[in-house]
Amino acid sequence: MAAYDDLNGKRIATISVISIVVTAVTVLAVQVLYFAMAGYVDDQKVQSSSYLRQNRVLADQAEEISKYGVDPETGKITVPIGEVMKKMAAQASDEPTSDEA
């Protein structure tokens, strides 16, 4: 007599499981698509970008650094002559002369 009120439990469970699987697969597919597109956009940005100002600053810094240092082949120390002259003049003025002593 109450046949129209009975629920089909198997059908409800089957549709629920299928819905969960379809939702999970859709979420994973959207994630894969998103990260693939994000990688493509990042690659395009890198290829189309210009680093003129940064490269100019880097070249200036490399040139400035190359003025100083030790030559690995000869072991000679390279220092700008202007700085050495200033230091030697300062040392000479600090040292007492033989007349003062």
N, C-alpha and C. Protein backbone atom coordinates (compact mmCIF):
# COMPACT_ATOMS: atom_id res chain seq x y z
N MET A 1 0.79 -1.18 0.00
CA MET A 1 0.00 0.00 0.00
C MET A 1 0.85 1.28 0.00
N ALA A 2 2.02 1.27 0.62
CA ALA A 2 2.87 2.44 0.67
C ALA A 2 4.02 2.31 -0.31
N ALA A 3 3.83 1.73 -1.44
CA ALA A 3 4.88 1.49 -2.41
C ALA A 3 5.42 2.80 -2.99
N TYR A 4 4.60 3.82 -3.13
CA TYR A 4 5.08 5.08 -3.69
C TYR A 4 5.95 5.85 -2.72
N ASP A 5 5.92 5.54 -1.39
CA ASP A 5 6.74 6.21 -0.39
C ASP A 5 8.11 5.54 -0.21
N ASP A 6 8.29 4.36 -0.74
CA ASP A 6 9.55 3.65 -0.55
C ASP A 6 10.65 4.31 -1.41
N LEU A 7 11.83 4.47 -0.82
CA LEU A 7 12.97 5.04 -1.52
C LEU A 7 13.89 3.93 -1.99
N ASN A 8 14.45 4.10 -3.17
CA ASN A 8 15.37 3.11 -3.71
C ASN A 8 16.77 3.44 -3.19
N GLY A 9 17.19 2.78 -2.14
CA GLY A 9 18.47 3.04 -1.48
C GLY A 9 19.68 2.77 -2.37
N LYS A 10 19.61 1.70 -3.16
CA LYS A 10 20.72 1.37 -4.05
C LYS A 10 20.92 2.47 -5.10
N ARG A 11 19.84 2.94 -5.67
CA ARG A 11 19.94 3.97 -6.69
C ARG A 11 20.50 5.27 -6.09
N ILE A 12 20.07 5.65 -4.91
CA ILE A 12 20.56 6.86 -4.25
C ILE A 12 22.05 6.74 -3.94
N ALA A 13 22.48 5.58 -3.44
CA ALA A 13 23.89 5.37 -3.13
C ALA A 13 24.74 5.40 -4.40
N THR A 14 24.27 4.78 -5.46
CA THR A 14 25.00 4.74 -6.72
C THR A 14 25.16 6.15 -7.30
N ILE A 15 24.08 6.90 -7.33
CA ILE A 15 24.14 8.26 -7.86
C ILE A 15 25.03 9.14 -6.98
N SER A 16 25.01 8.94 -5.67
CA SER A 16 25.88 9.71 -4.76
C SER A 16 27.34 9.43 -5.04
N VAL A 17 27.69 8.16 -5.19
CA VAL A 17 29.09 7.79 -5.45
C VAL A 17 29.53 8.34 -6.80
N ILE A 18 28.68 8.21 -7.81
CA ILE A 18 29.03 8.73 -9.14
C ILE A 18 29.20 10.24 -9.08
N SER A 19 28.35 10.93 -8.36
CA SER A 19 28.46 12.39 -8.24
C SER A 19 29.75 12.80 -7.57
N ILE A 20 30.14 12.08 -6.52
CA ILE A 20 31.39 12.38 -5.82
C ILE A 20 32.58 12.17 -6.74
N VAL A 21 32.59 11.07 -7.49
CA VAL A 21 33.70 10.78 -8.40
C VAL A 21 33.78 11.84 -9.50
N VAL A 22 32.64 12.20 -10.08
CA VAL A 22 32.64 13.21 -11.14
C VAL A 22 33.13 14.55 -10.59
N THR A 23 32.71 14.92 -9.39
CA THR A 23 33.15 16.17 -8.78
C THR A 23 34.66 16.15 -8.54
N ALA A 24 35.20 15.04 -8.00
CA ALA A 24 36.63 14.95 -7.73
C ALA A 24 37.44 15.02 -9.02
N VAL A 25 36.99 14.33 -10.06
CA VAL A 25 37.70 14.35 -11.34
C VAL A 25 37.65 15.76 -11.95
N THR A 26 36.52 16.43 -11.83
CA THR A 26 36.40 17.79 -12.35
C THR A 26 37.34 18.74 -11.62
N VAL A 27 37.41 18.63 -10.31
CA VAL A 27 38.31 19.48 -9.52
C VAL A 27 39.76 19.24 -9.92
N LEU A 28 40.16 18.00 -10.06
CA LEU A 28 41.53 17.69 -10.46
C LEU A 28 41.82 18.19 -11.87
N ALA A 29 40.88 18.05 -12.78
CA ALA A 29 41.08 18.52 -14.15
C ALA A 29 41.23 20.04 -14.19
N VAL A 30 40.44 20.75 -13.40
CA VAL A 30 40.54 22.21 -13.36
C VAL A 30 41.89 22.62 -12.78
N GLN A 31 42.35 21.90 -11.75
CA GLN A 31 43.67 22.21 -11.17
C GLN A 31 44.78 22.02 -12.19
N VAL A 32 44.76 20.92 -12.89
CA VAL A 32 45.78 20.65 -13.91
C VAL A 32 45.74 21.73 -14.99
N LEU A 33 44.56 22.09 -15.43
CA LEU A 33 44.42 23.12 -16.44
C LEU A 33 44.94 24.47 -15.93
N TYR A 34 44.60 24.81 -14.70
CA TYR A 34 45.05 26.08 -14.12
C TYR A 34 46.58 26.15 -14.06
N PHE A 35 47.22 25.13 -13.53
CA PHE A 35 48.68 25.17 -13.39
C PHE A 35 49.38 25.13 -14.75
N ALA A 36 48.78 24.45 -15.71
CA ALA A 36 49.37 24.45 -17.06
C ALA A 36 49.28 25.85 -17.67
N MET A 37 48.15 26.50 -17.49
CA MET A 37 48.00 27.85 -18.03
C MET A 37 48.89 28.85 -17.28
N ALA A 38 49.03 28.68 -15.98
CA ALA A 38 49.88 29.58 -15.19
C ALA A 38 51.34 29.43 -15.63
N GLY A 39 51.78 28.21 -15.88
CA GLY A 39 53.14 28.00 -16.37
C GLY A 39 53.35 28.63 -17.74
N TYR A 40 52.35 28.53 -18.59
CA TYR A 40 52.44 29.14 -19.93
C TYR A 40 52.53 30.66 -19.81
N VAL A 41 51.73 31.25 -18.96
CA VAL A 41 51.73 32.71 -18.78
C VAL A 41 53.08 33.16 -18.22
N ASP A 42 53.61 32.43 -17.24
CA ASP A 42 54.92 32.79 -16.68
C ASP A 42 56.02 32.71 -17.74
N ASP A 43 55.99 31.68 -18.55
CA ASP A 43 56.98 31.57 -19.63
C ASP A 43 56.88 32.73 -20.61
N GLN A 44 55.67 33.12 -20.94
CA GLN A 44 55.48 34.26 -21.85
C GLN A 44 56.00 35.55 -21.24
N LYS A 45 55.78 35.74 -19.94
CA LYS A 45 56.28 36.95 -19.27
C LYS A 45 57.80 36.99 -19.29
N VAL A 46 58.44 35.86 -19.04
CA VAL A 46 59.90 35.82 -19.03
C VAL A 46 60.45 36.09 -20.42
N GLN A 47 59.83 35.52 -21.43
CA GLN A 47 60.32 35.70 -22.79
C GLN A 47 60.13 37.13 -23.29
N SER A 48 59.06 37.78 -22.87
CA SER A 48 58.78 39.12 -23.38
C SER A 48 59.34 40.23 -22.51
N SER A 49 59.95 39.89 -21.38
CA SER A 49 60.43 40.93 -20.48
C SER A 49 61.81 41.43 -20.93
N SER A 50 62.11 42.64 -20.52
CA SER A 50 63.37 43.26 -20.86
C SER A 50 64.06 43.69 -19.59
N TYR A 51 65.32 43.36 -19.47
CA TYR A 51 66.07 43.66 -18.25
C TYR A 51 67.21 44.63 -18.56
N LEU A 52 66.92 45.66 -19.33
CA LEU A 52 67.97 46.59 -19.74
C LEU A 52 68.56 47.33 -18.55
N ARG A 53 67.70 47.86 -17.69
CA ARG A 53 68.20 48.63 -16.54
C ARG A 53 68.99 47.73 -15.60
N GLN A 54 68.47 46.54 -15.31
CA GLN A 54 69.16 45.63 -14.42
C GLN A 54 70.49 45.17 -15.00
N ASN A 55 70.51 44.91 -16.31
CA ASN A 55 71.76 44.49 -16.94
C ASN A 55 72.79 45.60 -16.94
N ARG A 56 72.34 46.85 -17.10
CA ARG A 56 73.26 47.99 -17.06
C ARG A 56 73.86 48.14 -15.66
N VAL A 57 73.03 48.01 -14.63
CA VAL A 57 73.53 48.10 -13.26
C VAL A 57 74.50 46.95 -12.97
N LEU A 58 74.17 45.77 -13.43
CA LEU A 58 75.04 44.62 -13.23
C LEU A 58 76.38 44.80 -13.94
N ALA A 59 76.36 45.33 -15.13
CA ALA A 59 77.61 45.58 -15.86
C ALA A 59 78.45 46.63 -15.15
N ASP A 60 77.81 47.69 -14.65
CA ASP A 60 78.55 48.71 -13.89
C ASP A 60 79.18 48.12 -12.64
N GLN A 61 78.44 47.28 -11.95
CA GLN A 61 78.98 46.65 -10.75
C GLN A 61 80.14 45.72 -11.08
N ALA A 62 80.00 44.95 -12.15
CA ALA A 62 81.07 44.04 -12.54
C ALA A 62 82.32 44.82 -12.94
N GLU A 63 82.14 45.95 -13.62
CA GLU A 63 83.29 46.77 -14.00
C GLU A 63 83.97 47.35 -12.75
N GLU A 64 83.17 47.79 -11.81
CA GLU A 64 83.73 48.36 -10.58
C GLU A 64 84.47 47.31 -9.76
N ILE A 65 83.92 46.13 -9.69
CA ILE A 65 84.56 45.06 -8.93
C ILE A 65 85.84 44.60 -9.61
N SER A 66 85.87 44.63 -10.94
CA SER A 66 87.05 44.16 -11.66
C SER A 66 88.27 45.04 -11.41
N LYS A 67 88.06 46.24 -10.88
CA LYS A 67 89.19 47.12 -10.57
C LYS A 67 89.96 46.64 -9.35
N TYR A 68 89.34 45.86 -8.52
CA TYR A 68 89.95 45.38 -7.28
C TYR A 68 90.20 43.89 -7.38
N GLY A 69 91.04 43.39 -6.49
CA GLY A 69 91.20 41.95 -6.37
C GLY A 69 92.61 41.47 -6.58
N VAL A 70 92.73 40.15 -6.59
CA VAL A 70 94.01 39.48 -6.75
C VAL A 70 94.00 38.73 -8.07
N ASP A 71 95.04 38.91 -8.85
CA ASP A 71 95.16 38.17 -10.10
C ASP A 71 95.54 36.74 -9.75
N PRO A 72 94.72 35.76 -10.10
CA PRO A 72 95.00 34.37 -9.69
C PRO A 72 96.26 33.80 -10.33
N GLU A 73 96.65 34.29 -11.49
CA GLU A 73 97.83 33.76 -12.16
C GLU A 73 99.13 34.29 -11.55
N THR A 74 99.17 35.59 -11.27
CA THR A 74 100.41 36.18 -10.77
C THR A 74 100.40 36.43 -9.27
N GLY A 75 99.23 36.50 -8.67
CA GLY A 75 99.14 36.77 -7.24
C GLY A 75 99.27 38.23 -6.90
N LYS A 76 99.25 39.10 -7.90
CA LYS A 76 99.37 40.53 -7.65
C LYS A 76 98.02 41.09 -7.23
N ILE A 77 98.07 42.05 -6.33
CA ILE A 77 96.85 42.70 -5.83
C ILE A 77 96.60 43.94 -6.66
N THR A 78 95.38 44.11 -7.11
CA THR A 78 95.00 45.26 -7.91
C THR A 78 94.15 46.20 -7.07
N VAL A 79 94.62 47.44 -6.92
CA VAL A 79 93.90 48.47 -6.17
C VAL A 79 94.00 49.76 -6.97
N PRO A 80 92.95 50.57 -7.03
CA PRO A 80 93.03 51.84 -7.75
C PRO A 80 94.14 52.72 -7.17
N ILE A 81 94.93 53.32 -8.02
CA ILE A 81 96.10 54.09 -7.60
C ILE A 81 95.71 55.32 -6.79
N GLY A 82 94.58 55.92 -7.08
CA GLY A 82 94.14 57.10 -6.34
C GLY A 82 93.95 56.81 -4.86
N GLU A 83 93.35 55.67 -4.56
CA GLU A 83 93.13 55.29 -3.16
C GLU A 83 94.45 55.00 -2.46
N VAL A 84 95.37 54.33 -3.15
CA VAL A 84 96.67 54.02 -2.56
C VAL A 84 97.44 55.31 -2.26
N MET A 85 97.40 56.26 -3.18
CA MET A 85 98.10 57.53 -2.95
C MET A 85 97.52 58.27 -1.74
N LYS A 86 96.20 58.26 -1.60
CA LYS A 86 95.57 58.93 -0.45
C LYS A 86 96.00 58.26 0.85
N LYS A 87 96.02 56.94 0.88
CA LYS A 87 96.41 56.22 2.09
C LYS A 87 97.88 56.47 2.44
N MET A 88 98.73 56.47 1.41
CA MET A 88 100.15 56.71 1.66
C MET A 88 100.38 58.13 2.15
N ALA A 89 99.66 59.11 1.61
CA ALA A 89 99.79 60.50 2.05
C ALA A 89 99.31 60.64 3.49
N ALA A 90 98.24 59.95 3.83
CA ALA A 90 97.74 60.00 5.20
C ALA A 90 98.74 59.36 6.16
N GLN A 91 99.34 58.25 5.77
CA GLN A 91 100.34 57.60 6.62
C GLN A 91 101.58 58.48 6.77
N ALA A 92 101.98 59.11 5.70
CA ALA A 92 103.18 59.95 5.75
C ALA A 92 102.95 61.16 6.64
N SER A 93 101.75 61.70 6.62
CA SER A 93 101.49 62.86 7.47
C SER A 93 101.34 62.45 8.93
N ASP A 94 100.96 61.21 9.20
CA ASP A 94 100.82 60.74 10.58
C ASP A 94 102.15 60.36 11.21
N GLU A 95 103.12 59.94 10.39
CA GLU A 95 104.41 59.51 10.92
C GLU A 95 105.27 60.74 11.27
N PRO A 96 105.93 60.71 12.41
CA PRO A 96 106.81 61.83 12.75
C PRO A 96 108.07 61.78 11.87
N THR A 97 108.52 62.93 11.44
CA THR A 97 109.75 62.99 10.62
C THR A 97 110.96 62.93 11.55
N SER A 98 112.15 62.77 10.98
CA SER A 98 113.36 62.68 11.79
C SER A 98 113.69 64.03 12.46
N ASP A 99 113.26 65.15 11.88
CA ASP A 99 113.48 66.46 12.47
C ASP A 99 112.66 66.65 13.73
N GLU A 100 111.42 66.09 13.70
CA GLU A 100 110.53 66.26 14.84
C GLU A 100 110.93 65.36 15.99
N ALA A 101 111.57 64.22 15.69
CA ALA A 101 111.91 63.27 16.72
C ALA A 101 113.11 63.63 17.50
